[in-house]
PDB file of all heavy atoms in Angstrom:
ATOM      1  N   GLY A   1      52.122 -40.825 -60.337  1.00  0.00           N
ATOM      2  CA  GLY A   1      53.342 -41.279 -60.995  1.00  0.00           C
ATOM      3  C   GLY A   1      53.157 -42.656 -61.607  1.00  0.00           C
ATOM      4  O   GLY A   1      52.152 -42.969 -62.249  1.00  0.00           O
ATOM      5  N   LEU A   2      54.184 -43.525 -61.438  1.00  0.00           N
ATOM      6  CA  LEU A   2      54.144 -44.853 -61.998  1.00  0.00           C
ATOM      7  C   LEU A   2      52.962 -45.641 -61.456  1.00  0.00           C
ATOM      8  O   LEU A   2      52.291 -46.364 -62.197  1.00  0.00           O
ATOM      9  CB  LEU A   2      55.450 -45.593 -61.665  1.00  0.00           C
ATOM     10  CG  LEU A   2      55.555 -47.060 -62.097  1.00  0.00           C
ATOM     11  CD1 LEU A   2      55.391 -47.202 -63.602  1.00  0.00           C
ATOM     12  CD2 LEU A   2      56.865 -47.671 -61.645  1.00  0.00           C
ATOM     13  N   ALA A   3      52.677 -45.503 -60.154  1.00  0.00           N
ATOM     14  CA  ALA A   3      51.563 -46.233 -59.531  1.00  0.00           C
ATOM     15  C   ALA A   3      50.244 -45.816 -60.171  1.00  0.00           C
ATOM     16  O   ALA A   3      49.323 -46.616 -60.296  1.00  0.00           O
ATOM     17  CB  ALA A   3      51.532 -45.984 -58.033  1.00  0.00           C
ATOM     18  N   GLU A   4      50.137 -44.569 -60.607  1.00  0.00           N
ATOM     19  CA  GLU A   4      48.911 -44.088 -61.246  1.00  0.00           C
ATOM     20  C   GLU A   4      48.717 -44.791 -62.595  1.00  0.00           C
ATOM     21  O   GLU A   4      47.588 -45.191 -62.957  1.00  0.00           O
ATOM     22  CB  GLU A   4      48.989 -42.578 -61.460  1.00  0.00           C
ATOM     23  CG  GLU A   4      47.738 -41.984 -62.094  1.00  0.00           C
ATOM     24  CD  GLU A   4      47.849 -40.478 -62.260  1.00  0.00           C
ATOM     25  OE1 GLU A   4      48.974 -39.937 -62.093  1.00  0.00           O
ATOM     26  OE2 GLU A   4      46.841 -39.831 -62.610  1.00  0.00           O
ATOM     27  N   ARG A   5      49.806 -44.978 -63.353  1.00  0.00           N
ATOM     28  CA  ARG A   5      49.693 -45.672 -64.636  1.00  0.00           C
ATOM     29  C   ARG A   5      49.384 -47.151 -64.441  1.00  0.00           C
ATOM     30  O   ARG A   5      48.668 -47.756 -65.253  1.00  0.00           O
ATOM     31  CB  ARG A   5      50.959 -45.480 -65.444  1.00  0.00           C
ATOM     32  CG  ARG A   5      51.165 -44.035 -65.892  1.00  0.00           C
ATOM     33  CD  ARG A   5      52.268 -43.934 -66.920  1.00  0.00           C
ATOM     34  NE  ARG A   5      53.583 -44.170 -66.363  1.00  0.00           N
ATOM     35  CZ  ARG A   5      54.308 -43.228 -65.720  1.00  0.00           C
ATOM     36  NH1 ARG A   5      53.791 -42.003 -65.561  1.00  0.00           N
ATOM     37  NH2 ARG A   5      55.495 -43.494 -65.254  1.00  0.00           N
ATOM     38  N   ILE A   6      49.894 -47.732 -63.379  1.00  0.00           N
ATOM     39  CA  ILE A   6      49.578 -49.132 -63.062  1.00  0.00           C
ATOM     40  C   ILE A   6      48.092 -49.250 -62.728  1.00  0.00           C
ATOM     41  O   ILE A   6      47.410 -50.172 -63.186  1.00  0.00           O
ATOM     42  CB  ILE A   6      50.447 -49.632 -61.891  1.00  0.00           C
ATOM     43  CG1 ILE A   6      51.924 -49.661 -62.301  1.00  0.00           C
ATOM     44  CG2 ILE A   6      49.988 -50.993 -61.422  1.00  0.00           C
ATOM     45  CD1 ILE A   6      52.859 -49.948 -61.144  1.00  0.00           C
ATOM     46  N   ALA A   7      47.574 -48.305 -61.942  1.00  0.00           N
ATOM     47  CA  ALA A   7      46.154 -48.310 -61.602  1.00  0.00           C
ATOM     48  C   ALA A   7      45.289 -48.132 -62.852  1.00  0.00           C
ATOM     49  O   ALA A   7      44.219 -48.743 -62.959  1.00  0.00           O
ATOM     50  CB  ALA A   7      45.848 -47.200 -60.588  1.00  0.00           C
ATOM     51  N   ALA A   8      45.753 -47.314 -63.783  1.00  0.00           N
ATOM     52  CA  ALA A   8      44.991 -47.106 -65.016  1.00  0.00           C
ATOM     53  C   ALA A   8      44.879 -48.408 -65.809  1.00  0.00           C
ATOM     54  O   ALA A   8      43.836 -48.719 -66.395  1.00  0.00           O
ATOM     55  CB  ALA A   8      45.655 -46.023 -65.862  1.00  0.00           C
ATOM     56  N   GLN A   9      45.958 -49.217 -65.806  1.00  0.00           N
ATOM     57  CA  GLN A   9      45.897 -50.510 -66.494  1.00  0.00           C
ATOM     58  C   GLN A   9      44.877 -51.422 -65.829  1.00  0.00           C
ATOM     59  O   GLN A   9      44.151 -52.171 -66.515  1.00  0.00           O
ATOM     60  CB  GLN A   9      47.268 -51.164 -66.472  1.00  0.00           C
ATOM     61  CG  GLN A   9      48.318 -50.481 -67.350  1.00  0.00           C
ATOM     62  CD  GLN A   9      47.978 -50.611 -68.839  1.00  0.00           C
ATOM     63  OE1 GLN A   9      47.536 -51.643 -69.277  1.00  0.00           O
ATOM     64  NE2 GLN A   9      48.183 -49.560 -69.571  1.00  0.00           N
ATOM     65  N   ALA A  10      44.797 -51.384 -64.514  1.00  0.00           N
ATOM     66  CA  ALA A  10      43.803 -52.199 -63.804  1.00  0.00           C
ATOM     67  C   ALA A  10      42.399 -51.783 -64.153  1.00  0.00           C
ATOM     68  O   ALA A  10      41.489 -52.602 -64.331  1.00  0.00           O
ATOM     69  CB  ALA A  10      44.045 -52.103 -62.282  1.00  0.00           C
ATOM     70  N   GLU A  11      42.167 -50.462 -64.256  1.00  0.00           N
ATOM     71  CA  GLU A  11      40.841 -49.954 -64.580  1.00  0.00           C
ATOM     72  C   GLU A  11      40.455 -50.352 -66.015  1.00  0.00           C
ATOM     73  O   GLU A  11      39.305 -50.718 -66.276  1.00  0.00           O
ATOM     74  CB  GLU A  11      40.813 -48.442 -64.457  1.00  0.00           C
ATOM     75  CG  GLU A  11      39.398 -47.868 -64.486  1.00  0.00           C
ATOM     76  CD  GLU A  11      39.357 -46.439 -63.977  1.00  0.00           C
ATOM     77  OE1 GLU A  11      40.378 -45.944 -63.481  1.00  0.00           O
ATOM     78  OE2 GLU A  11      38.286 -45.822 -64.091  1.00  0.00           O
ATOM     79  N   VAL A  12      41.418 -50.328 -66.932  1.00  0.00           N
ATOM     80  CA  VAL A  12      41.152 -50.787 -68.308  1.00  0.00           C
ATOM     81  C   VAL A  12      40.768 -52.254 -68.298  1.00  0.00           C
ATOM     82  O   VAL A  12      39.851 -52.696 -69.020  1.00  0.00           O
ATOM     83  CB  VAL A  12      42.405 -50.552 -69.202  1.00  0.00           C
ATOM     84  CG1 VAL A  12      42.232 -51.247 -70.554  1.00  0.00           C
ATOM     85  CG2 VAL A  12      42.606 -49.072 -69.410  1.00  0.00           C
ATOM     86  N   ALA A  13      41.459 -53.060 -67.500  1.00  0.00           N
ATOM     87  CA  ALA A  13      41.154 -54.491 -67.421  1.00  0.00           C
ATOM     88  C   ALA A  13      39.731 -54.728 -66.931  1.00  0.00           C
ATOM     89  O   ALA A  13      39.039 -55.606 -67.439  1.00  0.00           O
ATOM     90  CB  ALA A  13      42.143 -55.189 -66.484  1.00  0.00           C
ATOM     91  N   VAL A  14      39.277 -53.947 -65.956  1.00  0.00           N
ATOM     92  CA  VAL A  14      37.910 -54.088 -65.440  1.00  0.00           C
ATOM     93  C   VAL A  14      36.908 -53.763 -66.524  1.00  0.00           C
ATOM     94  O   VAL A  14      35.902 -54.472 -66.728  1.00  0.00           O
ATOM     95  CB  VAL A  14      37.717 -53.177 -64.219  1.00  0.00           C
ATOM     96  CG1 VAL A  14      36.226 -53.106 -63.829  1.00  0.00           C
ATOM     97  CG2 VAL A  14      38.521 -53.702 -63.046  1.00  0.00           C
ATOM     98  N   ASN A  15      37.144 -52.684 -67.262  1.00  0.00           N
ATOM     99  CA  ASN A  15      36.215 -52.277 -68.314  1.00  0.00           C
ATOM    100  C   ASN A  15      36.098 -53.307 -69.436  1.00  0.00           C
ATOM    101  O   ASN A  15      35.060 -53.438 -70.073  1.00  0.00           O
ATOM    102  CB  ASN A  15      36.620 -50.921 -68.894  1.00  0.00           C
ATOM    103  CG  ASN A  15      36.488 -49.792 -67.883  1.00  0.00           C
ATOM    104  OD1 ASN A  15      35.626 -49.859 -66.984  1.00  0.00           O
ATOM    105  ND2 ASN A  15      37.316 -48.779 -68.005  1.00  0.00           N
ATOM    106  N   ALA A  16      37.195 -54.023 -69.705  1.00  0.00           N
ATOM    107  CA  ALA A  16      37.212 -55.006 -70.790  1.00  0.00           C
ATOM    108  C   ALA A  16      36.771 -56.379 -70.335  1.00  0.00           C
ATOM    109  O   ALA A  16      36.578 -57.258 -71.187  1.00  0.00           O
ATOM    110  CB  ALA A  16      38.613 -55.093 -71.372  1.00  0.00           C
ATOM    111  N   ALA A  17      36.575 -56.598 -69.039  1.00  0.00           N
ATOM    112  CA  ALA A  17      36.295 -57.937 -68.506  1.00  0.00           C
ATOM    113  C   ALA A  17      34.788 -58.205 -68.495  1.00  0.00           C
ATOM    114  O   ALA A  17      33.964 -57.301 -68.544  1.00  0.00           O
ATOM    115  CB  ALA A  17      36.875 -58.062 -67.097  1.00  0.00           C
ATOM    116  N   ASP A  18      34.457 -59.509 -68.384  1.00  0.00           N
ATOM    117  CA  ASP A  18      33.065 -59.915 -68.241  1.00  0.00           C
ATOM    118  C   ASP A  18      32.689 -60.016 -66.765  1.00  0.00           C
ATOM    119  O   ASP A  18      31.521 -59.926 -66.397  1.00  0.00           O
ATOM    120  CB  ASP A  18      32.845 -61.274 -68.898  1.00  0.00           C
ATOM    121  CG  ASP A  18      33.055 -61.200 -70.425  1.00  0.00           C
ATOM    122  OD1 ASP A  18      32.326 -60.475 -71.083  1.00  0.00           O
ATOM    123  OD2 ASP A  18      33.995 -61.867 -70.918  1.00  0.00           O
ATOM    124  N   ALA A  19      33.692 -60.261 -65.895  1.00  0.00           N
ATOM    125  CA  ALA A  19      33.465 -60.339 -64.444  1.00  0.00           C
ATOM    126  C   ALA A  19      34.757 -59.941 -63.763  1.00  0.00           C
ATOM    127  O   ALA A  19      35.829 -59.947 -64.377  1.00  0.00           O
ATOM    128  CB  ALA A  19      33.025 -61.733 -64.023  1.00  0.00           C
ATOM    129  N   VAL A  20      34.654 -59.604 -62.466  1.00  0.00           N
ATOM    130  CA  VAL A  20      35.808 -59.132 -61.693  1.00  0.00           C
ATOM    131  C   VAL A  20      35.979 -59.990 -60.464  1.00  0.00           C
ATOM    132  O   VAL A  20      35.011 -60.288 -59.747  1.00  0.00           O
ATOM    133  CB  VAL A  20      35.613 -57.634 -61.315  1.00  0.00           C
ATOM    134  CG1 VAL A  20      36.786 -57.162 -60.452  1.00  0.00           C
ATOM    135  CG2 VAL A  20      35.458 -56.765 -62.534  1.00  0.00           C
ATOM    136  N   LEU A  21      37.223 -60.401 -60.226  1.00  0.00           N
ATOM    137  CA  LEU A  21      37.593 -61.042 -58.955  1.00  0.00           C
ATOM    138  C   LEU A  21      38.323 -60.025 -58.117  1.00  0.00           C
ATOM    139  O   LEU A  21      39.474 -59.670 -58.402  1.00  0.00           O
ATOM    140  CB  LEU A  21      38.465 -62.267 -59.247  1.00  0.00           C
ATOM    141  CG  LEU A  21      38.915 -63.078 -58.026  1.00  0.00           C
ATOM    142  CD1 LEU A  21      37.715 -63.649 -57.269  1.00  0.00           C
ATOM    143  CD2 LEU A  21      39.869 -64.189 -58.395  1.00  0.00           C
ATOM    144  N   PHE A  22      37.655 -59.529 -57.069  1.00  0.00           N
ATOM    145  CA  PHE A  22      38.231 -58.512 -56.204  1.00  0.00           C
ATOM    146  C   PHE A  22      38.900 -59.219 -55.009  1.00  0.00           C
ATOM    147  O   PHE A  22      38.231 -59.893 -54.229  1.00  0.00           O
ATOM    148  CB  PHE A  22      37.139 -57.553 -55.721  1.00  0.00           C
ATOM    149  CG  PHE A  22      37.644 -56.458 -54.828  1.00  0.00           C
ATOM    150  CD1 PHE A  22      38.828 -55.792 -55.076  1.00  0.00           C
ATOM    151  CD2 PHE A  22      36.906 -56.072 -53.722  1.00  0.00           C
ATOM    152  CE1 PHE A  22      39.287 -54.790 -54.250  1.00  0.00           C
ATOM    153  CE2 PHE A  22      37.336 -55.056 -52.879  1.00  0.00           C
ATOM    154  CZ  PHE A  22      38.545 -54.411 -53.143  1.00  0.00           C
ATOM    155  N   VAL A  23      40.217 -59.037 -54.902  1.00  0.00           N
ATOM    156  CA  VAL A  23      41.012 -59.737 -53.888  1.00  0.00           C
ATOM    157  C   VAL A  23      41.310 -58.801 -52.736  1.00  0.00           C
ATOM    158  O   VAL A  23      41.831 -57.681 -52.927  1.00  0.00           O
ATOM    159  CB  VAL A  23      42.319 -60.292 -54.483  1.00  0.00           C
ATOM    160  CG1 VAL A  23      43.066 -61.112 -53.438  1.00  0.00           C
ATOM    161  CG2 VAL A  23      42.039 -61.136 -55.711  1.00  0.00           C
ATOM    162  N   VAL A  24      40.998 -59.260 -51.512  1.00  0.00           N
ATOM    163  CA  VAL A  24      41.243 -58.496 -50.287  1.00  0.00           C
ATOM    164  C   VAL A  24      42.052 -59.359 -49.349  1.00  0.00           C
ATOM    165  O   VAL A  24      41.836 -60.583 -49.268  1.00  0.00           O
ATOM    166  CB  VAL A  24      39.929 -58.037 -49.630  1.00  0.00           C
ATOM    167  CG1 VAL A  24      40.199 -57.273 -48.348  1.00  0.00           C
ATOM    168  CG2 VAL A  24      39.124 -57.195 -50.584  1.00  0.00           C
ATOM    169  N   ASP A  25      42.981 -58.771 -48.626  1.00  0.00           N
ATOM    170  CA  ASP A  25      43.780 -59.481 -47.627  1.00  0.00           C
ATOM    171  C   ASP A  25      42.927 -59.638 -46.357  1.00  0.00           C
ATOM    172  O   ASP A  25      42.659 -58.672 -45.645  1.00  0.00           O
ATOM    173  CB  ASP A  25      45.060 -58.715 -47.298  1.00  0.00           C
ATOM    174  CG  ASP A  25      46.008 -59.484 -46.407  1.00  0.00           C
ATOM    175  OD1 ASP A  25      45.550 -60.395 -45.710  1.00  0.00           O
ATOM    176  OD2 ASP A  25      47.216 -59.140 -46.403  1.00  0.00           O
ATOM    177  N   ALA A  26      42.482 -60.870 -46.096  1.00  0.00           N
ATOM    178  CA  ALA A  26      41.606 -61.106 -44.956  1.00  0.00           C
ATOM    179  C   ALA A  26      42.287 -60.808 -43.633  1.00  0.00           C
ATOM    180  O   ALA A  26      41.626 -60.476 -42.637  1.00  0.00           O
ATOM    181  CB  ALA A  26      41.077 -62.529 -44.987  1.00  0.00           C
ATOM    182  N   ASN A  27      43.598 -60.976 -43.552  1.00  0.00           N
ATOM    183  CA  ASN A  27      44.344 -60.718 -42.312  1.00  0.00           C
ATOM    184  C   ASN A  27      44.372 -59.239 -41.966  1.00  0.00           C
ATOM    185  O   ASN A  27      44.396 -58.857 -40.808  1.00  0.00           O
ATOM    186  CB  ASN A  27      45.760 -61.274 -42.417  1.00  0.00           C
ATOM    187  CG  ASN A  27      45.771 -62.785 -42.564  1.00  0.00           C
ATOM    188  OD1 ASN A  27      44.903 -63.481 -42.064  1.00  0.00           O
ATOM    189  ND2 ASN A  27      46.756 -63.279 -43.306  1.00  0.00           N
ATOM    190  N   VAL A  28      44.401 -58.376 -42.992  1.00  0.00           N
ATOM    191  CA  VAL A  28      44.481 -56.936 -42.771  1.00  0.00           C
ATOM    192  C   VAL A  28      43.091 -56.346 -42.602  1.00  0.00           C
ATOM    193  O   VAL A  28      42.862 -55.419 -41.817  1.00  0.00           O
ATOM    194  CB  VAL A  28      45.220 -56.251 -43.956  1.00  0.00           C
ATOM    195  CG1 VAL A  28      45.173 -54.736 -43.815  1.00  0.00           C
ATOM    196  CG2 VAL A  28      46.625 -56.754 -44.055  1.00  0.00           C
ATOM    197  N   GLY A  29      42.104 -56.910 -43.306  1.00  0.00           N
ATOM    198  CA  GLY A  29      40.747 -56.393 -43.235  1.00  0.00           C
ATOM    199  C   GLY A  29      40.516 -55.279 -44.250  1.00  0.00           C
ATOM    200  O   GLY A  29      41.304 -55.084 -45.168  1.00  0.00           O
ATOM    201  N   ILE A  30      39.430 -54.555 -44.081  1.00  0.00           N
ATOM    202  CA  ILE A  30      39.025 -53.528 -45.038  1.00  0.00           C
ATOM    203  C   ILE A  30      39.855 -52.258 -44.803  1.00  0.00           C
ATOM    204  O   ILE A  30      39.937 -51.760 -43.672  1.00  0.00           O
ATOM    205  CB  ILE A  30      37.529 -53.208 -44.886  1.00  0.00           C
ATOM    206  CG1 ILE A  30      36.692 -54.471 -45.160  1.00  0.00           C
ATOM    207  CG2 ILE A  30      37.125 -52.114 -45.860  1.00  0.00           C
ATOM    208  CD1 ILE A  30      35.209 -54.292 -44.850  1.00  0.00           C
ATOM    209  N   THR A  31      40.460 -51.750 -45.876  1.00  0.00           N
ATOM    210  CA  THR A  31      41.229 -50.512 -45.796  1.00  0.00           C
ATOM    211  C   THR A  31      40.533 -49.429 -46.568  1.00  0.00           C
ATOM    212  O   THR A  31      39.553 -49.680 -47.313  1.00  0.00           O
ATOM    213  CB  THR A  31      42.633 -50.689 -46.349  1.00  0.00           C
ATOM    214  OG1 THR A  31      42.542 -50.948 -47.744  1.00  0.00           O
ATOM    215  CG2 THR A  31      43.345 -51.878 -45.680  1.00  0.00           C
TER     216      THR A  31
END
């Protein structure tokens, strides 16, 4: 649904970028 289209925008941003800053919540850990 809407979340899928939001994720698609993020994927487009990665493809157009020169580098990626991947943000993870250190308090939650790896999901």
